[in-house]
Structures are given as C-alpha cells and as structure tokens.
C-alpha cells in the first residue's frame, strides 16, 4: 500500500521515468512471447531454435533491467530522509518499497505486452493485418497461458531483484584489516585501520602542538602568531591586515566538488576486453569457419566468433566508460585550470562511476547500429529485429539521461552553495557545456573507430 501511495503521489518527471520502464518491459515481453509463439507454431524445428530466439531476448532484457535500476536510484520518494526511521521507514524498508515500485512498473508493461500479443493472435478480436504476423504468433493454436505468464514474470522478478541488490543497505563503517585491532584506543570499538607506534597516544607533549614558525629573514624564524594574516590569507606589506575581494569565479573554484579519492580501476580491464573482442571478430572473419548462426527475424547468417566479438566489444566499452570519464575530468584540469575548467573537471571525476558505464553502453549501441550497415540486405530486417533494436537503443539513451539526472541531484548541494556565494548562472551552464563537449570529443571518435572495426567482418 505504501508503494502504491508513493507511486501515485510522485512528481510527473518520476512518473515519466516509470512509464519508460513499463514501455521497455512491454517491448521485451513481446519479444519473449514472440519467441515462445514461434516455437509453438513450428514444432518440427529442434529445441535449439527456441533457445536461440530466447537468447536474442537476453540483450533487451538486460537493457530493461539496467534502465529499471537507474530509475530506482533517481526516485526521490524512496531516498533516505531524516525522521523516516522513526516511523519505520529505514533503509531496508525503503529498499523494499523501491523494489516493489519497480515490480509494479515492470508488471504493467508485461501485461500490456500480453494484451497486444493476444490481440495480434486473434484471441481477443479477429486476426489483424490479414494474418501477416501469424508466423511467429502461433495463430490458430492454443496458447498455454501459465507458461506465457511464467515467461513474462521473469522481467519484473529480475528487475526488482536487481534494484534490491543495488539499493541494499550498506554499513558505512570500514572494518579493520587486522582482527586484533578491531578495538580502538582504550577498548573503543571500530578503531582505525592505521596502526600506531608505541606511545604515539600517550607520549608527553604529543597532544600539545608546537608553535609554527615563519621565516622573517636569512636564517631567522619567528612564531607564526607574530605574522598577522587576513581571513582570506592576504597580509599587507606593513604588517596590517586587510580584506581582499574575491571574484565569483574564485569562489566557484573554492567550492568545486572534491576530487574522488579512488580512481576507477576498470579501464585496463575494459581496454583488454575491447581488444579481445576486436581480435575475435578479425579472426572469425579471416578463418571463415563454417559454424554459422542463423539470426532470427531476417538477419543474415554469420560466424559464431563475430557474435562473440560483438559481445566482448560491448562489454569492453561498458567497462572502460568510468575510466575514460575520469580521464576526461583529469585532462580538463591540466595546464593551469581556471574556475570553469576546475568545476567541469572535478564534476566529471566525481561522477565517473555514475555516468561512465551508461555512456559506454550508449557507445556500444551506436557501434552496433553502425555495424548493421554491413549486412548484405538491410531491407530484410524483420519487425522483431527492429523492435529489439528500438528497445535496446531506447533503454541505453534513457539510462544515460537518468544517470545525468542522478548526477544533477548528487551535486545539488554544491550548486546551491555556488549560487549562495554569488556565482553567476553562466558559470554553471558553461561548466555543463564543457563537460558535455569533453565527453563528446573523447567518446565520439572512439565510437566511430570501434564501429568501423566491428563492421569489417560483415563488410560487403
């Protein structure tokens, strides 16, 4: 009941994102039902035909689950807020509510797919389109409804489990690497992982800092307290303290998001996987192995190695996305950066894990779309292939936009602090444009290069 109330009272933008999840679930569910209907209508074909067609539905299913997780992360209704634990809405309960909301949206899409499937079969009304879709809908044959519902239940179940796994409560405390040091000073639980030398805490005078000295002449020092300093670090030549005005750009630079403490470590793995995928594609092209796969819905046949290479290439781009985004932020801050480049670079470095992987998936989808131009007869693409491509591409771009919304929500405190300090709105807009331009300048040529190499095995 709580999930229904939160779903009903959500913001229109949140409702739109949930409708996108429902639409993706409907498209994926229709593809799965079509594979099931084709198996019913062609019982003479081996069981491997059904498994192959269901395997082609794995990519739209993964794209739908990825979108559902991204939408659940940006749902403000299930975000932890002060006071919710007092009424029984702790992190675990909010995670359950988010998973339930995702299951409701995915179930709505699955039911819509079932209604469309039954309508095209002619079970609800007459057979539409003069029976043009009877080949993969098993029109005229009884449909085992329990099997169809079990097949459709995979979408909301997998989506809700993925959301629950992603949003599960985590203990913010870091465990000590040595169990002997799990008790801190004087038996305090949860001590730091850094080991202290003997007497570091109780050494006489250790807790009383020595006065800092400042050089006032050749070989002479004086206490730092004797040198007057202004609050902003400006001291007059005569020893008096004066205030200095700080421009909005300087204030913006001082309020920039802190650089992340850890650099994404998936870039070497992504580059290695990407290189392996391209190598597998090139090997499959030159060897000309006769083990070909018959792709469903009008796609041309091709070697098994080409399909494996495409999968490895897409996985490599997704793994390398966070590292490349972090690299963009680091390059923006090189060579004496100003406030604008500092803001844009720090934001990219802080958001590398959040937007890097969806951006890599979008690059993989764009590369695959370019590689489809190498087919022998692109006009032979069937409606199911077009529907699957639309579902995958739509989920990829929607996930990237949702990740951008999540990033905007994450830096809302920094944006509010900048505006409170008097930073002009043009600085914020300029930083956003600079971030987008830097990502496009790096990922655009990379996508074109990978697409050109991936299209070589299917070149005419």
Protein backbone atom coordinates (compact mmCIF):
# COMPACT_ATOMS: atom_id res chain seq x y z
CA UNK A 1 0.00 0.00 0.00
CA UNK A 2 2.85 2.38 0.78
CA UNK A 3 4.44 1.65 -2.61
CA UNK A 4 1.13 2.42 -4.32
CA UNK A 5 0.81 5.74 -2.48
CA UNK A 6 4.37 6.76 -3.33
CA UNK A 7 3.81 5.78 -6.95
CA UNK A 8 0.58 7.76 -7.18
CA UNK A 9 1.90 10.92 -5.50
CA UNK A 10 5.21 11.10 -7.34
CA UNK A 11 6.38 14.02 -9.48
CA UNK A 12 5.37 13.92 -13.19
CA UNK A 13 9.03 13.53 -14.21
CA UNK A 14 9.32 10.49 -11.93
CA UNK A 15 6.11 9.07 -13.37
CA UNK A 16 7.52 9.54 -16.88
CA UNK A 17 10.63 7.57 -15.98
CA UNK A 18 8.49 4.78 -14.56
CA UNK A 19 6.44 4.74 -17.75
CA UNK A 20 9.69 4.31 -19.67
CA UNK A 21 10.40 1.22 -17.58
CA UNK A 22 6.91 -0.08 -18.33
CA UNK A 23 7.38 0.56 -22.07
CA UNK A 24 10.73 -1.24 -22.08
CA UNK A 25 9.18 -4.16 -20.20
CA UNK A 26 6.35 -4.29 -22.73
CA UNK A 27 8.76 -4.44 -25.67
CA UNK A 28 10.93 -7.10 -24.04
CA UNK A 29 7.90 -9.13 -23.01
CA UNK A 30 6.50 -9.05 -26.53
CA UNK A 31 9.82 -10.29 -27.91
CA UNK A 32 9.85 -13.18 -25.44
CA UNK A 33 6.24 -14.07 -26.26
CA UNK A 34 7.05 -13.96 -29.97
CA UNK A 35 9.88 -16.44 -29.46
CA UNK A 36 7.51 -18.66 -27.50
CA UNK A 37 4.83 -18.35 -30.18
CA UNK A 38 7.30 -19.23 -32.94
CA UNK A 39 8.23 -22.39 -31.05
CA UNK A 40 4.55 -23.32 -30.75
CA UNK A 41 3.92 -22.73 -34.44
CA UNK A 42 6.99 -24.70 -35.59
CA UNK A 43 7.12 -27.89 -33.51
CA UNK A 44 9.19 -29.63 -36.20
CA UNK A 45 12.20 -27.43 -35.52
CA UNK A 46 14.70 -28.55 -32.87
CA UNK A 47 14.66 -27.20 -29.34
CA UNK A 48 17.81 -25.22 -30.06
CA UNK A 49 15.78 -22.86 -32.25
CA UNK A 50 13.69 -21.76 -29.28
CA UNK A 51 16.77 -21.37 -27.10
CA UNK A 52 18.47 -19.27 -29.79
CA UNK A 53 15.49 -16.96 -30.09
CA UNK A 54 15.22 -16.64 -26.32
CA UNK A 55 18.95 -15.90 -26.19
CA UNK A 56 18.38 -12.97 -28.54
CA UNK A 57 15.92 -11.63 -25.96
CA UNK A 58 18.68 -11.53 -23.32
CA UNK A 59 20.04 -8.22 -24.63
CA UNK A 60 16.70 -6.35 -24.43
CA UNK A 61 16.12 -7.91 -21.00
CA UNK A 62 19.50 -6.69 -19.74
CA UNK A 63 18.82 -3.21 -21.14
CA UNK A 64 15.42 -3.12 -19.42
CA UNK A 65 16.89 -4.17 -16.07
CA UNK A 66 19.65 -1.58 -16.41
CA UNK A 67 17.05 1.13 -17.01
CA UNK A 68 14.93 -0.04 -14.08
CA UNK A 69 17.91 0.18 -11.71
CA UNK A 70 18.80 3.67 -12.96
CA UNK A 71 15.21 4.88 -12.49
CA UNK A 72 15.05 3.40 -8.98
CA UNK A 73 18.26 5.21 -8.00
CA UNK A 74 16.79 8.58 -9.01
CA UNK A 75 13.42 8.11 -7.32
CA UNK A 76 13.19 10.87 -4.68
CA UNK A 77 10.26 9.20 -2.94
CA UNK A 78 12.40 6.32 -1.72
CA UNK A 79 15.50 8.35 -0.87
CA UNK A 80 16.59 8.24 2.81
CA UNK A 81 15.47 11.35 4.69
CA UNK A 82 15.70 12.42 8.34
CA UNK A 83 12.86 11.20 10.50
CA UNK A 84 11.74 8.28 8.32
CA UNK A 85 13.41 5.69 10.53
CA UNK A 86 11.29 6.86 13.47
CA UNK A 87 8.12 5.84 11.61
CA UNK A 88 9.51 2.50 10.48
CA UNK A 89 10.90 3.59 7.09
CA UNK A 90 14.54 2.69 7.47
CA UNK A 91 16.95 1.90 4.64
CA UNK A 92 15.77 -1.70 4.35
CA UNK A 93 12.12 -0.69 4.16
CA UNK A 94 12.85 2.00 1.56
CA UNK A 95 14.77 -0.56 -0.48
CA UNK A 96 11.76 -2.90 -0.37
CA UNK A 97 9.44 -0.06 -1.41
CA UNK A 98 11.69 0.80 -4.35
CA UNK A 99 11.85 -2.84 -5.45
CA UNK A 100 8.05 -3.10 -5.19
CA UNK A 101 7.57 0.05 -7.24
CA UNK A 102 9.89 -1.32 -9.92
CA UNK A 103 7.99 -4.62 -9.94
CA UNK A 104 4.70 -2.76 -10.40
CA UNK A 105 6.01 -0.80 -13.39
CA UNK A 106 7.52 -3.91 -15.00
CA UNK A 107 4.35 -5.93 -14.38
CA UNK A 108 2.27 -3.23 -16.05
CA UNK A 109 4.48 -3.44 -19.13
CA UNK A 110 4.34 -7.25 -19.18
CA UNK A 111 0.54 -7.23 -19.03
CA UNK A 112 0.44 -4.72 -21.87
CA UNK A 113 2.69 -7.00 -23.94
CA UNK A 114 0.39 -9.94 -23.24
CA UNK A 115 -2.69 -7.98 -24.33
CA UNK A 116 -1.01 -6.90 -27.58
CA UNK A 117 0.17 -10.45 -28.20
CA UNK A 118 -3.31 -11.89 -27.68
CA UNK A 119 -4.81 -9.20 -29.92
CA UNK A 120 -2.39 -9.96 -32.77
CA UNK A 121 -3.12 -13.67 -32.38
CA UNK A 122 -6.82 -13.01 -32.82
CA UNK A 123 -7.78 -14.32 -29.37
CA UNK A 124 -9.48 -11.08 -28.36
CA UNK A 125 -10.82 -9.95 -31.75
CA UNK A 126 -10.34 -11.07 -35.33
CA UNK A 127 -6.86 -11.72 -36.71
CA UNK A 128 -5.48 -8.27 -37.67
CA UNK A 129 -3.20 -7.37 -40.59
CA UNK A 130 -4.72 -10.22 -42.66
CA UNK A 131 -2.70 -12.78 -40.72
CA UNK A 132 0.69 -11.29 -41.61
CA UNK A 133 2.03 -11.94 -38.10
CA UNK A 134 0.73 -15.50 -37.82
CA UNK A 135 4.19 -16.99 -38.42
CA UNK A 136 5.66 -16.04 -35.03
CA UNK A 137 2.40 -15.78 -33.04
CA UNK A 138 1.17 -19.38 -33.47
CA UNK A 139 -2.28 -18.19 -34.54
CA UNK A 140 -4.81 -20.99 -34.55
CA UNK A 141 -3.01 -22.97 -31.86
CA UNK A 142 -3.99 -22.98 -28.18
CA UNK A 143 -1.73 -20.80 -26.07
CA UNK A 144 -0.65 -22.28 -22.72
CA UNK A 145 -1.38 -19.27 -20.56
CA UNK A 146 0.51 -20.45 -17.44
CA UNK A 147 3.68 -20.88 -19.49
CA UNK A 148 3.27 -17.43 -21.05
CA UNK A 149 2.72 -15.82 -17.63
CA UNK A 150 5.75 -17.62 -16.21
CA UNK A 151 7.84 -16.31 -19.10
CA UNK A 152 6.59 -12.76 -18.57
CA UNK A 153 7.17 -12.94 -14.81
CA UNK A 154 10.91 -13.06 -15.42
CA UNK A 155 11.01 -9.35 -16.26
CA UNK A 156 9.54 -7.90 -13.01
CA UNK A 157 11.27 -10.52 -10.87
CA UNK A 158 14.74 -9.89 -12.29
CA UNK A 159 14.22 -6.11 -12.28
CA UNK A 160 13.07 -5.98 -8.66
CA UNK A 161 15.90 -8.27 -7.53
CA UNK A 162 18.45 -6.09 -9.31
CA UNK A 163 17.02 -2.97 -7.66
CA UNK A 164 17.06 -4.63 -4.24
CA UNK A 165 20.65 -5.73 -4.73
CA UNK A 166 21.75 -2.27 -5.86
CA UNK A 167 19.93 -0.32 -3.14
CA UNK A 168 20.57 -2.73 -0.29
CA UNK A 169 21.65 -1.06 2.98
CA UNK A 170 25.39 -0.96 3.50
CA UNK A 171 27.34 -0.47 6.71
CA UNK A 172 29.30 2.80 6.32
CA UNK A 173 31.90 1.65 8.82
CA UNK A 174 35.06 0.16 7.37
CA UNK A 175 36.30 -2.97 9.01
CA UNK A 176 39.85 -3.16 10.27
CA UNK A 177 42.08 -5.40 8.16
CA UNK A 178 43.56 -6.97 11.28
CA UNK A 179 41.02 -8.57 13.65
CA UNK A 180 43.40 -7.95 16.55
CA UNK A 181 42.88 -4.19 16.09
CA UNK A 182 39.10 -4.11 15.90
CA UNK A 183 39.10 -2.40 19.32
CA UNK A 184 40.48 1.12 19.24
CA UNK A 185 42.05 3.21 21.96
CA UNK A 186 41.12 2.04 25.44
CA UNK A 187 38.80 -0.63 24.02
CA UNK A 188 36.73 1.67 21.81
CA UNK A 189 35.01 -0.41 19.12
CA UNK A 190 35.72 0.33 15.45
CA UNK A 191 39.27 1.61 15.62
CA UNK A 192 41.03 2.95 12.57
CA UNK A 193 42.87 0.62 10.24
CA UNK A 194 46.11 2.63 10.56
CA UNK A 195 48.45 1.12 13.13
CA UNK A 196 50.00 3.43 15.70
CA UNK A 197 53.51 3.17 17.06
CA UNK A 198 54.17 2.54 20.71
CA UNK A 199 53.50 5.62 22.81
CA UNK A 200 52.04 7.67 19.96
CA UNK A 201 48.97 8.49 22.00
CA UNK A 202 50.35 8.91 25.49
CA UNK A 203 53.74 10.45 24.69
CA UNK A 204 54.33 13.55 26.77
CA UNK A 205 53.52 16.67 24.78
CA UNK A 206 52.15 14.81 21.80
CA UNK A 207 48.71 16.37 22.19
CA UNK A 208 50.07 19.89 22.55
CA UNK A 209 51.08 21.19 19.15
CA UNK A 210 54.32 23.08 18.85
CA UNK A 211 54.07 26.70 17.71
CA UNK A 212 54.57 27.03 14.00
CA UNK A 213 57.34 29.36 12.82
CA UNK A 214 57.59 31.60 9.80
CA UNK A 215 60.83 32.77 8.18
CA UNK A 216 61.36 36.51 8.65
CA UNK A 217 64.93 36.79 7.46
CA UNK A 218 68.00 34.84 6.42
CA UNK A 219 68.42 32.07 8.94
CA UNK A 220 65.90 33.59 11.40
CA UNK A 221 62.47 32.37 12.35
CA UNK A 222 59.64 33.82 14.33
CA UNK A 223 56.40 32.38 15.70
CA UNK A 224 53.61 32.29 13.17
CA UNK A 225 51.34 34.17 15.54
CA UNK A 226 53.59 37.23 15.16
CA UNK A 227 52.73 37.47 11.45
CA UNK A 228 49.23 38.94 11.03
CA UNK A 229 47.11 37.22 8.45
CA UNK A 230 43.77 38.04 6.99
CA UNK A 231 40.92 35.56 6.94
CA UNK A 232 41.44 35.11 3.21
CA UNK A 233 45.21 34.76 3.51
CA UNK A 234 46.23 38.32 2.46
CA UNK A 235 48.73 40.31 4.55
CA UNK A 236 49.74 43.89 3.90
CA UNK A 237 53.46 44.76 3.50
CA UNK A 238 53.36 46.97 6.59
CA UNK A 239 52.07 44.15 8.76
CA UNK A 240 48.45 45.29 8.86
CA UNK A 241 45.62 43.01 7.91
CA UNK A 242 43.33 43.96 5.08
CA UNK A 243 40.46 42.20 3.33
CA UNK A 244 40.65 41.28 -0.31
CA UNK A 245 37.67 40.92 -2.58
CA UNK A 246 37.16 37.53 -4.16
CA UNK A 247 35.55 37.25 -7.54
CA UNK A 248 32.63 34.86 -8.11
CA UNK A 249 34.90 32.69 -10.26
CA UNK A 250 37.35 32.33 -7.38
CA UNK A 251 34.52 31.45 -5.02
CA UNK A 252 33.28 28.91 -7.55
CA UNK A 253 36.73 27.37 -7.74
CA UNK A 254 36.98 27.11 -3.95
CA UNK A 255 33.57 25.40 -3.76
CA UNK A 256 34.33 22.91 -6.51
CA UNK A 257 33.46 19.28 -5.73
CA UNK A 258 36.38 17.43 -4.17
CA UNK A 259 38.29 15.05 -6.37
CA UNK A 260 37.41 11.39 -5.74
CA UNK A 261 39.82 9.52 -3.52
CA UNK A 262 39.84 6.42 -5.72
CA UNK A 263 40.38 6.24 -9.45
CA UNK A 264 38.17 3.78 -11.39
CA UNK A 265 40.14 0.57 -11.86
CA UNK A 266 38.07 -0.90 -14.70
CA UNK A 267 39.83 0.97 -17.52
CA UNK A 268 42.61 -1.64 -18.09
CA UNK A 269 40.05 -4.44 -17.99
CA UNK A 270 37.80 -2.59 -20.40
CA UNK A 271 40.62 -1.93 -22.86
CA UNK A 272 41.70 -5.58 -22.67
CA UNK A 273 38.15 -6.83 -23.23
CA UNK A 274 37.63 -4.41 -26.11
CA UNK A 275 40.87 -5.53 -27.78
CA UNK A 276 39.92 -9.18 -27.27
CA UNK A 277 36.53 -8.60 -28.89
CA UNK A 278 38.04 -6.92 -31.94
CA UNK A 279 40.63 -9.69 -32.22
CA UNK A 280 37.94 -12.38 -32.09
CA UNK A 281 35.96 -10.62 -34.83
CA UNK A 282 39.02 -10.32 -37.06
CA UNK A 283 39.92 -13.98 -36.50
CA UNK A 284 36.37 -15.12 -37.31
CA UNK A 285 36.43 -13.08 -40.50
CA UNK A 286 39.74 -14.41 -41.83
CA UNK A 287 39.27 -18.07 -40.87
CA UNK A 288 35.84 -18.33 -42.48
CA UNK A 289 34.68 -21.07 -40.14
CA UNK A 290 31.52 -22.85 -41.34
CA UNK A 291 29.87 -22.76 -37.91
CA UNK A 292 27.35 -20.04 -38.66
CA UNK A 293 24.40 -18.85 -36.64
CA UNK A 294 21.07 -18.22 -38.32
CA UNK A 295 19.95 -14.96 -36.82
CA UNK A 296 16.17 -14.64 -36.35
CA UNK A 297 13.82 -12.18 -37.95
CA UNK A 298 15.58 -11.59 -41.24
CA UNK A 299 19.14 -11.07 -40.02
CA UNK A 300 21.82 -12.61 -42.18
CA UNK A 301 23.86 -15.59 -41.02
CA UNK A 302 27.34 -15.08 -39.64
CA UNK A 303 30.14 -16.87 -37.81
CA UNK A 304 29.80 -17.55 -34.11
CA UNK A 305 33.03 -15.67 -33.49
CA UNK A 306 31.54 -12.44 -34.85
CA UNK A 307 28.70 -12.58 -32.33
CA UNK A 308 31.13 -13.36 -29.50
CA UNK A 309 33.34 -10.47 -30.62
CA UNK A 310 30.40 -8.07 -30.56
CA UNK A 311 29.53 -9.14 -27.02
CA UNK A 312 33.12 -8.68 -25.84
CA UNK A 313 33.36 -5.29 -27.58
CA UNK A 314 30.18 -4.04 -25.91
CA UNK A 315 31.36 -5.30 -22.51
CA UNK A 316 34.74 -3.63 -23.02
CA UNK A 317 33.17 -0.26 -23.80
CA UNK A 318 30.93 -0.52 -20.74
CA UNK A 319 33.89 -1.39 -18.50
CA UNK A 320 36.11 1.34 -19.90
CA UNK A 321 33.43 4.05 -19.62
CA UNK A 322 34.11 5.10 -15.99
CA UNK A 323 37.87 5.23 -16.52
CA UNK A 324 37.56 7.28 -19.71
CA UNK A 325 35.17 9.70 -18.00
CA UNK A 326 37.63 10.09 -15.13
CA UNK A 327 40.38 10.70 -17.68
CA UNK A 328 38.28 13.46 -19.30
CA UNK A 329 37.95 15.20 -15.95
CA UNK A 330 41.66 14.93 -15.27
CA UNK A 331 42.54 16.34 -18.70
CA UNK A 332 40.19 19.28 -18.20
CA UNK A 333 42.06 20.26 -15.04
CA UNK A 334 45.53 20.09 -16.57
CA UNK A 335 47.68 23.08 -17.58
CA UNK A 336 46.72 25.76 -15.03
CA UNK A 337 42.91 25.39 -14.99
CA UNK A 338 40.58 28.25 -14.22
CA UNK A 339 37.34 28.13 -12.26
CA UNK A 340 35.33 26.89 -15.24
CA UNK A 341 37.61 24.01 -16.12
CA UNK A 342 38.11 23.17 -12.46
CA UNK A 343 34.36 22.86 -11.88
CA UNK A 344 33.84 20.76 -15.02
CA UNK A 345 36.82 18.51 -14.36
CA UNK A 346 36.05 17.85 -10.71
CA UNK A 347 32.42 17.08 -11.57
CA UNK A 348 33.46 14.55 -14.22
CA UNK A 349 35.91 12.88 -11.86
CA UNK A 350 33.30 12.67 -9.11
CA UNK A 351 30.62 11.33 -11.48
CA UNK A 352 32.82 8.91 -13.40
CA UNK A 353 31.27 5.78 -11.92
CA UNK A 354 27.74 7.15 -12.23
CA UNK A 355 27.68 8.27 -15.87
CA UNK A 356 30.67 6.43 -17.29
CA UNK A 357 29.09 3.00 -17.61
CA UNK A 358 25.82 4.21 -19.25
CA UNK A 359 27.91 6.30 -21.62
CA UNK A 360 29.95 3.23 -22.55
CA UNK A 361 26.75 1.28 -23.20
CA UNK A 362 25.49 4.06 -25.49
CA UNK A 363 28.78 3.90 -27.41
CA UNK A 364 28.38 0.13 -27.77
CA UNK A 365 24.82 0.54 -29.09
CA UNK A 366 25.93 3.21 -31.57
CA UNK A 367 28.77 0.98 -32.75
CA UNK A 368 26.38 -1.94 -33.28
CA UNK A 369 23.97 0.28 -35.18
CA UNK A 370 26.78 1.36 -37.50
CA UNK A 371 27.89 -2.24 -37.93
CA UNK A 372 24.40 -3.27 -39.09
CA UNK A 373 25.08 -1.26 -42.23
CA UNK A 374 27.46 -4.04 -43.26
CA UNK A 375 24.62 -6.51 -43.68
CA UNK A 376 24.08 -7.95 -47.11
CA UNK A 377 20.46 -6.83 -47.27
CA UNK A 378 19.46 -4.29 -44.61
CA UNK A 379 15.94 -4.17 -46.05
CA UNK A 380 15.43 -7.78 -44.94
CA UNK A 381 15.29 -6.80 -41.26
CA UNK A 382 12.08 -8.08 -39.76
CA UNK A 383 9.75 -6.28 -37.36
CA UNK A 384 11.04 -8.19 -34.35
CA UNK A 385 14.63 -7.12 -35.07
CA UNK A 386 13.52 -3.50 -35.39
CA UNK A 387 11.57 -3.76 -32.13
CA UNK A 388 14.54 -5.29 -30.31
CA UNK A 389 16.88 -2.60 -31.64
CA UNK A 390 14.46 0.13 -30.54
CA UNK A 391 14.17 -1.37 -27.06
CA UNK A 392 17.94 -1.66 -26.60
CA UNK A 393 18.73 1.79 -28.04
CA UNK A 394 15.88 3.47 -26.17
CA UNK A 395 16.88 1.89 -22.86
CA UNK A 396 20.52 2.86 -23.38
CA UNK A 397 19.76 6.52 -24.06
CA UNK A 398 17.10 6.68 -21.33
CA UNK A 399 19.56 5.19 -18.83
CA UNK A 400 22.17 7.80 -19.78
CA UNK A 401 19.67 10.63 -19.31
CA UNK A 402 18.55 9.15 -15.99
CA UNK A 403 22.17 8.94 -14.84
CA UNK A 404 22.58 12.61 -15.78
CA UNK A 405 19.54 13.43 -13.61
CA UNK A 406 21.05 11.43 -10.75
CA UNK A 407 24.31 13.34 -11.13
CA UNK A 408 22.42 16.62 -11.01
CA UNK A 409 20.71 15.52 -7.82
CA UNK A 410 24.04 14.49 -6.30
CA UNK A 411 25.65 17.88 -6.86
CA UNK A 412 22.59 19.90 -5.83
CA UNK A 413 24.29 20.95 -2.58
CA UNK A 414 27.34 22.20 -4.46
CA UNK A 415 25.16 24.10 -6.93
CA UNK A 416 23.20 25.70 -4.10
CA UNK A 417 26.44 26.73 -2.38
CA UNK A 418 27.75 28.31 -5.58
CA UNK A 419 24.56 30.29 -6.09
CA UNK A 420 24.60 31.36 -2.46
CA UNK A 421 28.14 32.65 -2.87
CA UNK A 422 27.06 34.74 -5.83
CA UNK A 423 28.46 32.67 -8.69
CA UNK A 424 26.73 33.63 -11.94
CA UNK A 425 24.49 31.09 -13.61
CA UNK A 426 26.60 31.35 -16.76
CA UNK A 427 29.46 29.65 -14.91
CA UNK A 428 27.27 26.65 -14.11
CA UNK A 429 25.92 26.45 -17.64
CA UNK A 430 29.40 26.85 -19.08
CA UNK A 431 30.69 24.01 -16.89
CA UNK A 432 27.85 21.76 -18.07
CA UNK A 433 28.58 22.57 -21.72
CA UNK A 434 32.28 21.98 -21.16
CA UNK A 435 31.62 18.58 -19.59
CA UNK A 436 29.40 17.53 -22.48
CA UNK A 437 31.92 18.77 -25.03
CA UNK A 438 34.81 16.93 -23.40
CA UNK A 439 32.88 13.66 -23.29
CA UNK A 440 31.79 14.05 -26.90
CA UNK A 441 35.34 14.84 -28.01
CA UNK A 442 36.64 11.60 -26.45
CA UNK A 443 33.79 9.13 -26.90
CA UNK A 444 32.75 10.29 -30.39
CA UNK A 445 35.94 9.32 -32.26
CA UNK A 446 36.25 6.19 -30.10
CA UNK A 447 32.76 5.07 -31.09
CA UNK A 448 33.44 5.66 -34.78
CA UNK A 449 36.73 3.75 -34.60
CA UNK A 450 35.21 0.76 -32.80
CA UNK A 451 32.20 0.76 -35.14
CA UNK A 452 34.42 0.76 -38.23
CA UNK A 453 36.48 -2.14 -36.88
CA UNK A 454 33.41 -4.10 -35.77
CA UNK A 455 31.74 -3.70 -39.18
CA UNK A 456 34.65 -5.26 -41.06
CA UNK A 457 33.53 -8.91 -40.59
CA UNK A 458 30.17 -8.11 -42.25
CA UNK A 459 31.51 -5.81 -44.95
CA UNK A 460 30.21 -6.46 -48.46
